[in-house]
Amino acid sequence: MTRPRPTVFERQRPAAALVDRVLAPSRHAVHWLEDAPGERYPALRGGTVADLTVVGGGYAGLWTALLARLREPGARVVLLEAGRLGWAASGRNGGFVSASLTHGEPNGRRRWPEEYDTLARLGRQNLDELQADVERLGLSCELERTGSVAVALEPHQVDWAREAGPAFLDAAATRARIDVRPALAGVLDIDETALVHPARLVHELARVAVGLGVEVHEGSRVLGLDGGGRRRVVVRTEAGAVLSDRVALATNVFPSLVRRSRPLTVPVYDHVLLTEPLSAVQRAAVGWAGREGYEDLGNQFHYARLTADDRILFGGYDAVYHAGGRIRAGYEERPATSRRLAAHFLTLFPQLEDVRFSHRWAGVIDTSTRFCAFHGLARGGRVAYTAGFTGLGVGATRFAAQVMLDHLAGERTERTELEMVRRMPLPFPPEPVASVGIGLTRWSMDRADHEEGRRNLLLRTLDAVGLGFDS
C-alpha cells in the first residue's frame, strides 16, 4: 500500500491558535433562520377535506402547493408541516440553486447517458422558470444568477479542469475571480448556478401560496395514511385528519410514509461556518467581484459563497453519517468538524486571518445511492412522493414538484417519461452493513484525494453497480 500524499490542507495547515481565534466568537445557530424568522401558521384542529394534501413544509412541499394552485386555481390545497416551515434542510442549506438535476454532469452522463442532454436541457429550463417565478410572483429572496467557479487545488485536479474546454481557467484567471491562494486552475460556470437566501425563499413561497388560497398548518405531524386506490386517502395527524383526493409527500430525509421507499435514503449531516460581514479591506483582499458560488474539485469538497451583506458561508468536506441512520438535534454540534472547516478556510484564504466566524450550524441531507432525487407513486396512484436530493435540492425540488403534480394528474409528460423519473435508485443495505459500508466508502474517498484521485477497488465497484456516497 502506497503512503498517502498530504493534501494542500495538510501541507498548508494554519496554526491551531489561529483556528481557535477565528472560531471563538461563533455560536451554534442558523443565521438564515435568525435573519428571516417568517410568519407563523396555525396547527390543524379537527378534520377537513382537500383536493390535494401536501406533507412537508420545505421547498418540495411549498413548490408543490404553490404550483398546484397555479395549475388548478379552484383546487383546495392543504399543506401540513410537523415543525415550522423550512426549519430543516430548506432553511439551513448554502443557498446554491443549481441547474443540474443529476448532481453534476459526470454523475448524470454515467447513469443516464442516452437521456443526459434532455436532463441538462430540462434542468436549465427549470432554473430559468424558477427565476421567472421569483420575478413574476415578487418573491423577495435575494436571488442572484451568479454562476460558479470550481477550483483545482491539487495538480491532478488541473487535468480534470482542462476537460471543461472553453470553461477552463488557469491559476491567474481563477484567482482574478476569487482569490483562493492555493488555486491551480478552475472551471467557470457562467449562469447555471444562482444564489438565494434559503429562509427567505421558504417564507416567500409560503406567503404567495397562502395568497393563492393554500391552507398551511405548522405543528401538524402526519402519523400515517389510510385508504387509496378507489378510496380517498385519509391523512392522519394527532389533532385531526384530512380526507384527500391526492397526497404529495415531501418529507425528504425524514422517514417516508411510504415504507418501501425508506431504504432509498440515508441521513447525512453537513456542517457550515459563517463569517461576520467582511470589512471593505477584507472584501478587497478576496476579490470575488462576480459573487460566484465556489466549490473545489476534491472528492471531499468544500463550497462557499458571499451573502447579501458580504459574509462568507463556508461548508462541506465532512459528510457525517451516524450509526443507525438516526436524526438527532445533538448531532448538529460537532466541534471537530467546525475546527476542520475553519482550518481549511484559512488555508484557502490566508489573507483573511483576521476574520471571525459568527455562526456555525449543521443540517441533515437525504442522500440517495444515485446522488439525486427519485420519484414514485403509491396507493393506487393517489399518493406521489419524492426524496433523495443529496444536497442539490434548492432548484431540483421545483422540478420534483412538477413531477409529483404530473403523476397525480395521471399525465404522461416529458418529465414523467424520463428513465431517471421512472426508475428507483438501489437501496442502502440494512444496519450494521450500512454503517460499515459508508465508513469504508468515506475512507476510500479520502484516500483517493491523497492519491491523485485514484479510486480503489471499493469505489470502482460501487461506481460499476450504481451505488454511491457523496461528500
Protein backbone atom coordinates (compact mmCIF):
# COMPACT_ATOMS: atom_id res chain seq x y z
CA MET A 1 0.00 0.00 0.00
CA THR A 2 1.40 3.39 -1.01
CA ARG A 3 1.89 6.10 1.55
CA PRO A 4 -0.81 8.80 1.27
CA ARG A 5 0.37 12.13 -0.11
CA PRO A 6 -0.59 15.14 2.00
CA THR A 7 -3.23 17.42 0.51
CA VAL A 8 -2.97 21.21 0.45
CA PHE A 9 -4.94 21.31 3.70
CA GLU A 10 -2.18 19.35 5.39
CA ARG A 11 0.74 20.99 3.60
CA GLN A 12 -0.52 24.47 4.44
CA ARG A 13 -2.29 23.84 7.73
CA PRO A 14 -2.72 27.02 9.83
CA ALA A 15 -1.64 27.24 13.44
CA ALA A 16 -4.06 25.81 15.98
CA ALA A 17 -4.09 29.09 17.89
CA LEU A 18 -5.26 30.92 14.77
CA VAL A 19 -8.07 28.42 14.25
CA ASP A 20 -9.14 28.92 17.87
CA ARG A 21 -9.13 32.69 17.42
CA VAL A 22 -11.30 32.82 14.30
CA LEU A 23 -13.82 30.36 15.78
CA ALA A 24 -14.02 31.88 19.25
CA PRO A 25 -16.89 34.34 18.62
CA SER A 26 -19.06 31.81 16.79
CA ARG A 27 -22.24 30.40 18.26
CA HIS A 28 -24.32 27.42 17.30
CA ALA A 29 -27.26 29.00 15.45
CA VAL A 30 -28.67 29.08 11.91
CA HIS A 31 -28.10 32.56 10.54
CA TRP A 32 -30.69 32.24 7.76
CA LEU A 33 -33.48 31.38 10.19
CA GLU A 34 -32.50 34.20 12.55
CA ASP A 35 -32.33 36.66 9.67
CA ALA A 36 -35.75 35.69 8.27
CA PRO A 37 -37.93 34.16 11.01
CA GLY A 38 -41.08 34.25 8.87
CA GLU A 39 -44.78 34.15 9.68
CA ARG A 40 -46.40 31.57 11.97
CA TYR A 41 -49.24 29.37 10.76
CA PRO A 42 -51.85 27.60 12.92
CA ALA A 43 -51.84 23.89 13.61
CA LEU A 44 -54.57 21.74 12.14
CA ARG A 45 -57.51 21.42 14.53
CA GLY A 46 -60.14 18.83 13.66
CA GLY A 47 -60.90 17.21 10.34
CA THR A 48 -61.05 18.78 6.90
CA VAL A 49 -61.13 17.81 3.23
CA ALA A 50 -58.81 18.66 0.34
CA ASP A 51 -58.28 18.02 -3.32
CA LEU A 52 -54.53 17.84 -2.58
CA THR A 53 -52.75 17.41 0.73
CA VAL A 54 -49.02 18.19 0.79
CA VAL A 55 -46.97 16.71 3.63
CA GLY A 56 -43.80 18.69 4.35
CA GLY A 57 -43.17 22.42 4.56
CA GLY A 58 -39.77 22.70 2.89
CA TYR A 59 -39.04 23.64 -0.70
CA ALA A 60 -40.51 20.49 -2.26
CA GLY A 61 -43.78 20.82 -0.37
CA LEU A 62 -44.13 24.57 -0.85
CA TRP A 63 -43.41 24.43 -4.58
CA THR A 64 -45.92 21.59 -4.92
CA ALA A 65 -48.65 23.50 -3.11
CA LEU A 66 -48.00 26.76 -4.94
CA LEU A 67 -47.74 25.21 -8.41
CA ALA A 68 -50.85 23.11 -7.76
CA ARG A 69 -52.88 26.27 -7.16
CA LEU A 70 -51.44 27.87 -10.28
CA ARG A 71 -52.42 24.79 -12.31
CA GLU A 72 -55.86 24.48 -10.72
CA PRO A 73 -56.90 27.80 -9.14
CA GLY A 74 -60.07 26.24 -7.74
CA ALA A 75 -58.42 23.25 -6.06
CA ARG A 76 -58.41 23.07 -2.28
CA VAL A 77 -54.79 22.53 -1.22
CA VAL A 78 -53.74 21.82 2.37
CA LEU A 79 -50.09 21.76 3.47
CA LEU A 80 -49.10 20.03 6.74
CA GLU A 81 -45.73 20.62 8.42
CA ALA A 82 -44.64 18.84 11.60
CA GLY A 83 -42.49 21.73 12.86
CA ARG A 84 -42.08 25.18 11.35
CA LEU A 85 -41.82 25.85 7.65
CA GLY A 86 -38.24 25.49 6.43
CA TRP A 87 -36.76 24.60 9.81
CA ALA A 88 -34.81 21.65 8.39
CA ALA A 89 -32.73 21.44 5.19
CA SER A 90 -34.64 24.16 3.34
CA GLY A 91 -33.68 26.76 5.93
CA ARG A 92 -30.12 25.57 6.59
CA ASN A 93 -28.52 24.98 3.20
CA GLY A 94 -25.91 27.08 1.45
CA GLY A 95 -28.41 28.72 -0.89
CA PHE A 96 -26.97 27.33 -4.14
CA VAL A 97 -29.64 26.96 -6.84
CA SER A 98 -28.16 24.64 -9.46
CA ALA A 99 -29.49 23.92 -12.92
CA SER A 100 -28.34 20.32 -12.53
CA LEU A 101 -30.98 17.70 -11.80
CA THR A 102 -28.35 14.95 -11.68
CA HIS A 103 -25.77 16.20 -9.17
CA GLY A 104 -23.49 17.38 -11.94
CA GLU A 105 -22.73 16.30 -15.47
CA PRO A 106 -20.37 13.37 -14.74
CA ASN A 107 -22.94 11.68 -12.49
CA GLY A 108 -25.73 12.30 -14.98
CA ARG A 109 -23.83 11.08 -18.03
CA ARG A 110 -22.65 7.94 -16.24
CA ARG A 111 -26.12 6.95 -15.06
CA TRP A 112 -28.34 8.14 -17.93
CA PRO A 113 -26.07 8.56 -20.98
CA GLU A 114 -28.84 8.36 -23.56
CA GLU A 115 -31.07 10.99 -21.97
CA TYR A 116 -28.50 13.22 -20.30
CA ASP A 117 -28.82 16.00 -22.89
CA THR A 118 -32.56 16.09 -22.21
CA LEU A 119 -31.95 16.16 -18.46
CA ALA A 120 -29.49 19.04 -18.88
CA ARG A 121 -31.99 20.98 -21.00
CA LEU A 122 -34.80 20.41 -18.51
CA GLY A 123 -32.52 21.44 -15.66
CA ARG A 124 -31.64 24.73 -17.35
CA GLN A 125 -35.32 25.26 -18.16
CA ASN A 126 -36.23 24.62 -14.53
CA LEU A 127 -33.71 27.20 -13.30
CA ASP A 128 -34.93 29.74 -15.87
CA GLU A 129 -38.54 29.13 -14.82
CA LEU A 130 -37.62 29.37 -11.13
CA GLN A 131 -36.03 32.75 -11.76
CA ALA A 132 -39.08 33.82 -13.76
CA ASP A 133 -41.35 32.72 -10.90
CA VAL A 134 -39.30 34.76 -8.44
CA GLU A 135 -39.70 37.84 -10.60
CA ARG A 136 -43.34 37.28 -11.63
CA LEU A 137 -44.59 36.37 -8.16
CA GLY A 138 -42.49 39.02 -6.41
CA LEU A 139 -40.53 36.63 -4.20
CA SER A 140 -38.10 38.73 -2.14
CA CYS A 141 -35.39 36.12 -1.59
CA GLU A 142 -32.09 37.73 -2.71
CA LEU A 143 -31.83 35.60 -5.86
CA GLU A 144 -28.64 36.27 -7.83
CA ARG A 145 -27.77 34.46 -11.09
CA THR A 146 -24.04 34.49 -10.38
CA GLY A 147 -22.69 31.29 -11.90
CA SER A 148 -19.93 29.46 -10.07
CA VAL A 149 -16.23 28.61 -10.09
CA ALA A 150 -14.95 25.10 -9.37
CA VAL A 151 -11.32 25.29 -8.25
CA ALA A 152 -8.48 22.79 -8.65
CA LEU A 153 -6.28 22.69 -5.55
CA GLU A 154 -4.05 19.73 -6.48
CA PRO A 155 -2.04 19.08 -9.69
CA HIS A 156 -4.14 16.06 -10.73
CA GLN A 157 -7.29 18.19 -10.48
CA VAL A 158 -5.94 20.55 -13.14
CA ASP A 159 -6.35 17.77 -15.71
CA TRP A 160 -9.96 17.34 -14.60
CA ALA A 161 -10.50 21.08 -15.02
CA ARG A 162 -9.00 21.05 -18.54
CA GLU A 163 -11.73 18.63 -19.60
CA ALA A 164 -14.17 21.56 -19.33
CA GLY A 165 -12.72 23.00 -22.55
CA PRO A 166 -13.59 26.69 -23.01
CA ALA A 167 -14.76 26.92 -19.40
CA PHE A 168 -11.21 26.17 -18.18
CA LEU A 169 -9.43 28.92 -16.24
CA ASP A 170 -5.73 28.94 -15.47
CA ALA A 171 -4.49 29.79 -11.99
CA ALA A 172 -4.28 33.54 -12.63
CA ALA A 173 -7.74 33.73 -14.17
CA THR A 174 -9.18 31.69 -11.30
CA ARG A 175 -7.63 33.90 -8.64
CA ALA A 176 -8.75 37.00 -10.55
CA ARG A 177 -12.32 35.89 -9.89
CA ILE A 178 -11.92 34.53 -6.34
CA ASP A 179 -8.53 34.94 -4.68
CA VAL A 180 -8.17 31.40 -3.37
CA ARG A 181 -4.43 31.41 -2.75
CA PRO A 182 -3.68 27.69 -3.46
CA ALA A 183 -5.75 27.70 -6.67
CA LEU A 184 -4.05 25.96 -9.60
CA ALA A 185 -6.92 26.17 -12.11
CA GLY A 186 -10.67 26.48 -12.28
CA VAL A 187 -13.83 25.81 -14.24
CA LEU A 188 -16.23 28.68 -14.86
CA ASP A 189 -19.99 28.20 -14.94
CA ILE A 190 -21.45 31.40 -16.34
CA ASP A 191 -25.14 31.09 -15.50
CA GLU A 192 -26.11 27.57 -14.39
CA THR A 193 -25.89 28.49 -10.70
CA ALA A 194 -27.83 31.08 -8.75
CA LEU A 195 -27.63 32.08 -5.10
CA VAL A 196 -30.56 32.68 -2.80
CA HIS A 197 -31.35 33.41 0.85
CA PRO A 198 -32.70 29.98 1.84
CA ALA A 199 -35.10 31.00 4.60
CA ARG A 200 -36.43 33.99 2.67
CA LEU A 201 -37.23 31.69 -0.25
CA VAL A 202 -39.17 29.41 2.12
CA HIS A 203 -41.22 32.19 3.62
CA GLU A 204 -41.86 33.93 0.31
CA LEU A 205 -43.10 30.69 -1.25
CA ALA A 206 -45.42 30.28 1.74
CA ARG A 207 -46.64 33.88 1.53
CA VAL A 208 -47.54 33.58 -2.13
CA ALA A 209 -49.05 30.10 -1.69
CA VAL A 210 -51.32 31.36 1.11
CA GLY A 211 -52.24 34.34 -1.04
CA LEU A 212 -53.31 31.91 -3.76
CA GLY A 213 -55.53 30.04 -1.30
CA VAL A 214 -53.30 27.27 0.08
CA GLU A 215 -54.17 26.32 3.67
CA VAL A 216 -50.91 25.98 5.64
CA HIS A 217 -50.65 24.27 9.03
CA GLU A 218 -47.47 24.14 11.11
CA GLY A 219 -47.09 21.89 14.16
CA SER A 220 -49.16 19.22 12.42
CA ARG A 221 -47.20 16.00 12.29
CA VAL A 222 -48.67 13.37 9.99
CA LEU A 223 -48.89 9.98 11.68
CA GLY A 224 -49.98 7.85 8.75
CA LEU A 225 -52.06 7.36 5.62
CA ASP A 226 -55.16 5.22 5.17
CA GLY A 227 -57.04 4.40 2.02
CA GLY A 228 -56.00 4.87 -1.57
CA GLY A 229 -56.92 3.25 -4.85
CA ARG A 230 -60.62 3.85 -5.42
CA ARG A 231 -60.99 5.46 -1.99
CA ARG A 232 -59.77 8.89 -0.97
CA VAL A 233 -56.71 8.99 1.27
CA VAL A 234 -57.06 9.79 4.95
CA VAL A 235 -54.05 11.80 6.15
CA ARG A 236 -53.95 11.31 9.92
CA THR A 237 -52.49 13.80 12.41
CA GLU A 238 -52.73 13.94 16.21
CA ALA A 239 -55.32 16.73 16.07
CA GLY A 240 -57.42 15.63 13.13
CA ALA A 241 -57.37 14.15 9.65
CA VAL A 242 -57.57 15.40 6.07
CA LEU A 243 -59.70 13.42 3.63
CA SER A 244 -57.86 14.00 0.39
CA ASP A 245 -58.24 13.04 -3.27
CA ARG A 246 -54.47 13.21 -3.76
CA VAL A 247 -51.42 13.41 -1.50
CA ALA A 248 -47.90 14.67 -2.22
CA LEU A 249 -45.19 13.56 0.21
CA ALA A 250 -42.25 15.94 0.54
CA THR A 251 -40.67 14.70 3.77
CA ASN A 252 -37.23 14.14 2.22
CA VAL A 253 -34.76 12.98 4.89
CA PHE A 254 -37.40 12.04 7.44
CA PRO A 255 -38.91 8.52 7.41
CA SER A 256 -41.25 8.22 4.47
CA LEU A 257 -44.92 7.44 4.94
CA VAL A 258 -44.38 5.00 2.05
CA ARG A 259 -42.41 2.25 3.77
CA ARG A 260 -40.89 0.74 0.65
CA SER A 261 -39.03 3.97 -0.09
CA ARG A 262 -37.38 4.25 3.33
CA PRO A 263 -34.23 2.23 2.44
CA LEU A 264 -33.63 4.53 -0.55
CA THR A 265 -32.09 7.34 1.52
CA VAL A 266 -29.78 7.78 4.48
CA PRO A 267 -29.37 10.93 6.58
CA VAL A 268 -26.00 12.66 6.28
CA TYR A 269 -25.04 15.73 8.30
CA ASP A 270 -23.42 18.67 6.54
CA HIS A 271 -21.78 21.45 8.57
CA VAL A 272 -21.14 25.12 7.76
CA LEU A 273 -19.47 28.21 9.17
CA LEU A 274 -20.43 31.83 8.53
CA THR A 275 -18.14 34.83 8.95
CA GLU A 276 -19.03 38.22 10.28
CA PRO A 277 -19.60 40.78 7.48
CA LEU A 278 -16.30 41.46 5.74
CA SER A 279 -14.79 44.91 6.02
CA ALA A 280 -14.03 46.81 2.83
CA VAL A 281 -10.37 45.83 3.18
CA GLN A 282 -11.19 42.16 3.71
CA ARG A 283 -13.60 42.21 0.78
CA ALA A 284 -10.96 43.69 -1.49
CA ALA A 285 -8.49 41.02 -0.37
CA VAL A 286 -10.58 38.20 -1.83
CA GLY A 287 -11.80 39.95 -4.98
CA TRP A 288 -14.94 37.99 -5.80
CA ALA A 289 -16.42 40.85 -7.84
CA GLY A 290 -18.77 38.47 -9.66
CA ARG A 291 -20.07 36.94 -6.40
CA GLU A 292 -19.90 33.47 -7.95
CA GLY A 293 -20.56 30.34 -5.97
CA TYR A 294 -17.37 28.44 -5.06
CA GLU A 295 -16.56 24.76 -4.86
CA ASP A 296 -13.37 22.77 -5.13
CA LEU A 297 -12.69 19.62 -7.10
CA GLY A 298 -11.78 17.04 -4.47
CA ASN A 299 -13.89 14.00 -3.70
CA GLN A 300 -14.43 15.64 -0.33
CA PHE A 301 -15.22 19.14 -1.49
CA HIS A 302 -15.99 22.49 0.08
CA TYR A 303 -18.46 25.11 -1.03
CA ALA A 304 -18.54 28.83 -0.29
CA ARG A 305 -20.48 31.93 -1.19
CA LEU A 306 -20.99 35.56 -0.28
CA THR A 307 -24.22 36.64 1.39
CA ALA A 308 -26.02 39.88 0.58
CA ASP A 309 -24.23 41.60 3.48
CA ASP A 310 -20.80 40.24 2.43
CA ARG A 311 -20.36 37.40 4.88
CA ILE A 312 -18.69 34.22 3.62
CA LEU A 313 -20.55 30.97 4.14
CA PHE A 314 -18.16 28.01 4.06
CA GLY A 315 -19.12 24.37 4.37
CA GLY A 316 -18.89 20.82 3.10
CA TYR A 317 -15.99 18.33 3.22
CA ASP A 318 -17.18 16.19 6.11
CA ALA A 319 -20.31 14.15 5.35
CA VAL A 320 -21.24 12.64 8.68
CA TYR A 321 -23.41 9.54 8.91
CA HIS A 322 -24.39 8.38 12.38
CA ALA A 323 -24.85 4.68 13.03
CA GLY A 324 -28.40 3.51 12.64
CA GLY A 325 -29.34 6.41 10.38
CA ARG A 326 -30.59 8.42 13.33
CA ILE A 327 -31.60 12.09 13.12
CA ARG A 328 -30.96 13.99 16.35
CA ALA A 329 -30.52 17.65 17.24
CA GLY A 330 -27.40 16.73 19.21
CA TYR A 331 -25.63 15.71 16.00
CA GLU A 332 -25.73 19.30 14.74
CA GLU A 333 -22.90 20.44 17.02
CA ARG A 334 -19.59 18.77 16.09
CA PRO A 335 -16.52 20.70 17.26
CA ALA A 336 -14.05 18.57 15.30
CA THR A 337 -15.78 19.40 12.03
CA SER A 338 -16.05 23.11 12.87
CA ARG A 339 -12.32 23.23 13.58
CA ARG A 340 -11.54 21.36 10.38
CA LEU A 341 -13.65 23.76 8.34
CA ALA A 342 -12.06 26.80 9.98
CA ALA A 343 -8.57 25.43 9.28
CA HIS A 344 -9.44 24.68 5.65
CA PHE A 345 -10.93 28.15 5.25
CA LEU A 346 -7.66 29.71 6.42
CA THR A 347 -5.70 27.51 4.02
CA LEU A 348 -7.79 28.79 1.12
CA PHE A 349 -7.95 32.40 2.31
CA PRO A 350 -4.83 33.10 4.42
CA GLN A 351 -5.30 36.81 3.70
CA LEU A 352 -8.41 36.66 5.92
CA GLU A 353 -6.69 35.51 9.11
CA ASP A 354 -8.26 38.47 10.92
CA VAL A 355 -11.80 37.39 10.01
CA ARG A 356 -14.08 36.00 12.70
CA PHE A 357 -16.85 33.44 12.40
CA SER A 358 -20.20 34.44 13.87
CA HIS A 359 -22.29 31.27 13.30
CA ARG A 360 -21.86 27.55 12.94
CA TRP A 361 -24.63 25.06 12.22
CA ALA A 362 -25.48 21.80 10.51
CA GLY A 363 -28.32 20.28 8.54
CA VAL A 364 -29.20 16.77 7.51
CA ILE A 365 -29.24 15.76 3.84
CA ASP A 366 -31.35 12.99 2.29
CA THR A 367 -28.67 11.10 0.38
CA SER A 368 -29.62 8.53 -2.26
CA THR A 369 -27.34 5.97 -3.87
CA ARG A 370 -27.55 7.76 -7.20
CA PHE A 371 -26.83 11.23 -5.69
CA CYS A 372 -30.07 12.82 -6.94
CA ALA A 373 -33.81 12.73 -6.39
CA PHE A 374 -36.14 9.84 -7.15
CA HIS A 375 -39.89 9.94 -7.73
CA GLY A 376 -42.69 7.46 -7.14
CA LEU A 377 -46.38 6.71 -6.83
CA ALA A 378 -48.23 4.67 -4.22
CA ARG A 379 -51.74 3.75 -3.05
CA GLY A 380 -53.22 3.28 -6.49
CA GLY A 381 -51.77 6.50 -7.88
CA ARG A 382 -53.29 8.77 -5.24
CA VAL A 383 -50.00 9.36 -3.39
CA ALA A 384 -46.86 10.78 -5.03
CA TYR A 385 -43.51 11.13 -3.32
CA THR A 386 -40.01 12.43 -3.94
CA ALA A 387 -36.75 12.37 -1.94
CA GLY A 388 -33.01 11.81 -2.24
CA PHE A 389 -31.82 15.25 -3.35
CA THR A 390 -28.35 14.70 -1.84
CA GLY A 391 -27.59 18.35 -1.18
CA LEU A 392 -28.69 19.80 -4.52
CA GLY A 393 -32.37 20.26 -3.83
CA VAL A 394 -32.87 24.02 -3.82
CA GLY A 395 -33.58 24.09 -7.54
CA ALA A 396 -34.40 20.43 -8.15
CA THR A 397 -37.31 20.48 -5.68
CA ARG A 398 -39.25 22.69 -8.08
CA PHE A 399 -38.76 20.12 -10.85
CA ALA A 400 -39.76 17.36 -8.43
CA ALA A 401 -42.94 19.24 -7.54
CA GLN A 402 -43.86 19.33 -11.22
CA VAL A 403 -43.22 15.58 -11.49
CA MET A 404 -45.45 14.85 -8.50
CA LEU A 405 -48.25 17.00 -9.89
CA ASP A 406 -47.93 15.35 -13.32
CA HIS A 407 -48.12 11.92 -11.66
CA LEU A 408 -51.12 12.79 -9.53
CA ALA A 409 -52.96 14.20 -12.54
CA GLY A 410 -52.30 10.98 -14.44
CA GLU A 411 -50.48 12.92 -17.15
CA ARG A 412 -47.73 11.48 -19.33
CA THR A 413 -45.29 14.32 -19.83
CA GLU A 414 -41.70 14.66 -20.93
CA ARG A 415 -40.81 14.71 -17.24
CA THR A 416 -42.68 11.54 -16.27
CA GLU A 417 -41.29 9.60 -19.24
CA LEU A 418 -37.67 10.13 -18.20
CA GLU A 419 -35.80 6.99 -17.19
CA MET A 420 -34.45 8.99 -14.25
CA VAL A 421 -38.03 9.54 -13.09
CA ARG A 422 -39.36 6.05 -13.87
CA ARG A 423 -36.57 4.08 -12.16
CA MET A 424 -35.76 3.92 -8.48
CA PRO A 425 -32.23 4.00 -7.03
CA LEU A 426 -30.72 0.96 -5.40
CA PRO A 427 -31.47 0.81 -1.66
CA PHE A 428 -28.85 1.19 1.02
CA PRO A 429 -28.13 -2.07 2.88
CA PRO A 430 -29.56 -2.56 6.38
CA GLU A 431 -27.58 -1.89 9.54
CA PRO A 432 -24.92 -2.64 10.57
CA VAL A 433 -23.79 -3.19 6.98
CA ALA A 434 -24.77 0.37 6.05
CA SER A 435 -22.56 1.93 8.74
CA VAL A 436 -19.59 -0.24 7.83
CA GLY A 437 -20.04 0.35 4.11
CA ILE A 438 -20.47 4.11 4.42
CA GLY A 439 -17.45 4.33 6.71
CA LEU A 440 -15.28 2.38 4.27
CA THR A 441 -16.54 4.47 1.37
CA ARG A 442 -15.70 7.74 3.12
CA TRP A 443 -12.24 6.38 3.99
CA SER A 444 -11.75 5.40 0.35
CA MET A 445 -12.79 8.83 -0.90
CA ASP A 446 -10.35 10.47 1.47
CA ARG A 447 -7.66 8.04 0.31
CA ALA A 448 -8.37 8.96 -3.32
CA ASP A 449 -7.88 12.64 -2.50
CA HIS A 450 -4.49 11.70 -1.06
CA GLU A 451 -3.52 9.56 -4.07
CA GLU A 452 -4.02 11.91 -7.02
CA GLY A 453 -7.65 10.98 -7.43
CA ARG A 454 -7.05 7.26 -7.98
CA ARG A 455 -10.11 5.27 -6.90
CA ASN A 456 -9.57 2.00 -5.10
CA LEU A 457 -11.35 -1.28 -5.77
CA LEU A 458 -14.24 -0.44 -3.44
CA LEU A 459 -15.00 2.87 -5.17
CA ARG A 460 -14.67 1.32 -8.63
CA THR A 461 -17.03 -1.46 -7.63
CA LEU A 462 -19.59 0.99 -6.24
CA ASP A 463 -19.33 3.04 -9.42
CA ALA A 464 -19.97 -0.06 -11.51
CA VAL A 465 -23.11 -1.13 -9.64
CA GLY A 466 -24.56 2.37 -9.25
CA LEU A 467 -24.09 2.82 -5.51
CA GLY A 468 -22.52 5.90 -4.02
CA PHE A 469 -21.97 8.14 -1.05
CA ASP A 470 -21.23 11.80 -1.66
CA SER A 471 -19.25 14.25 0.43
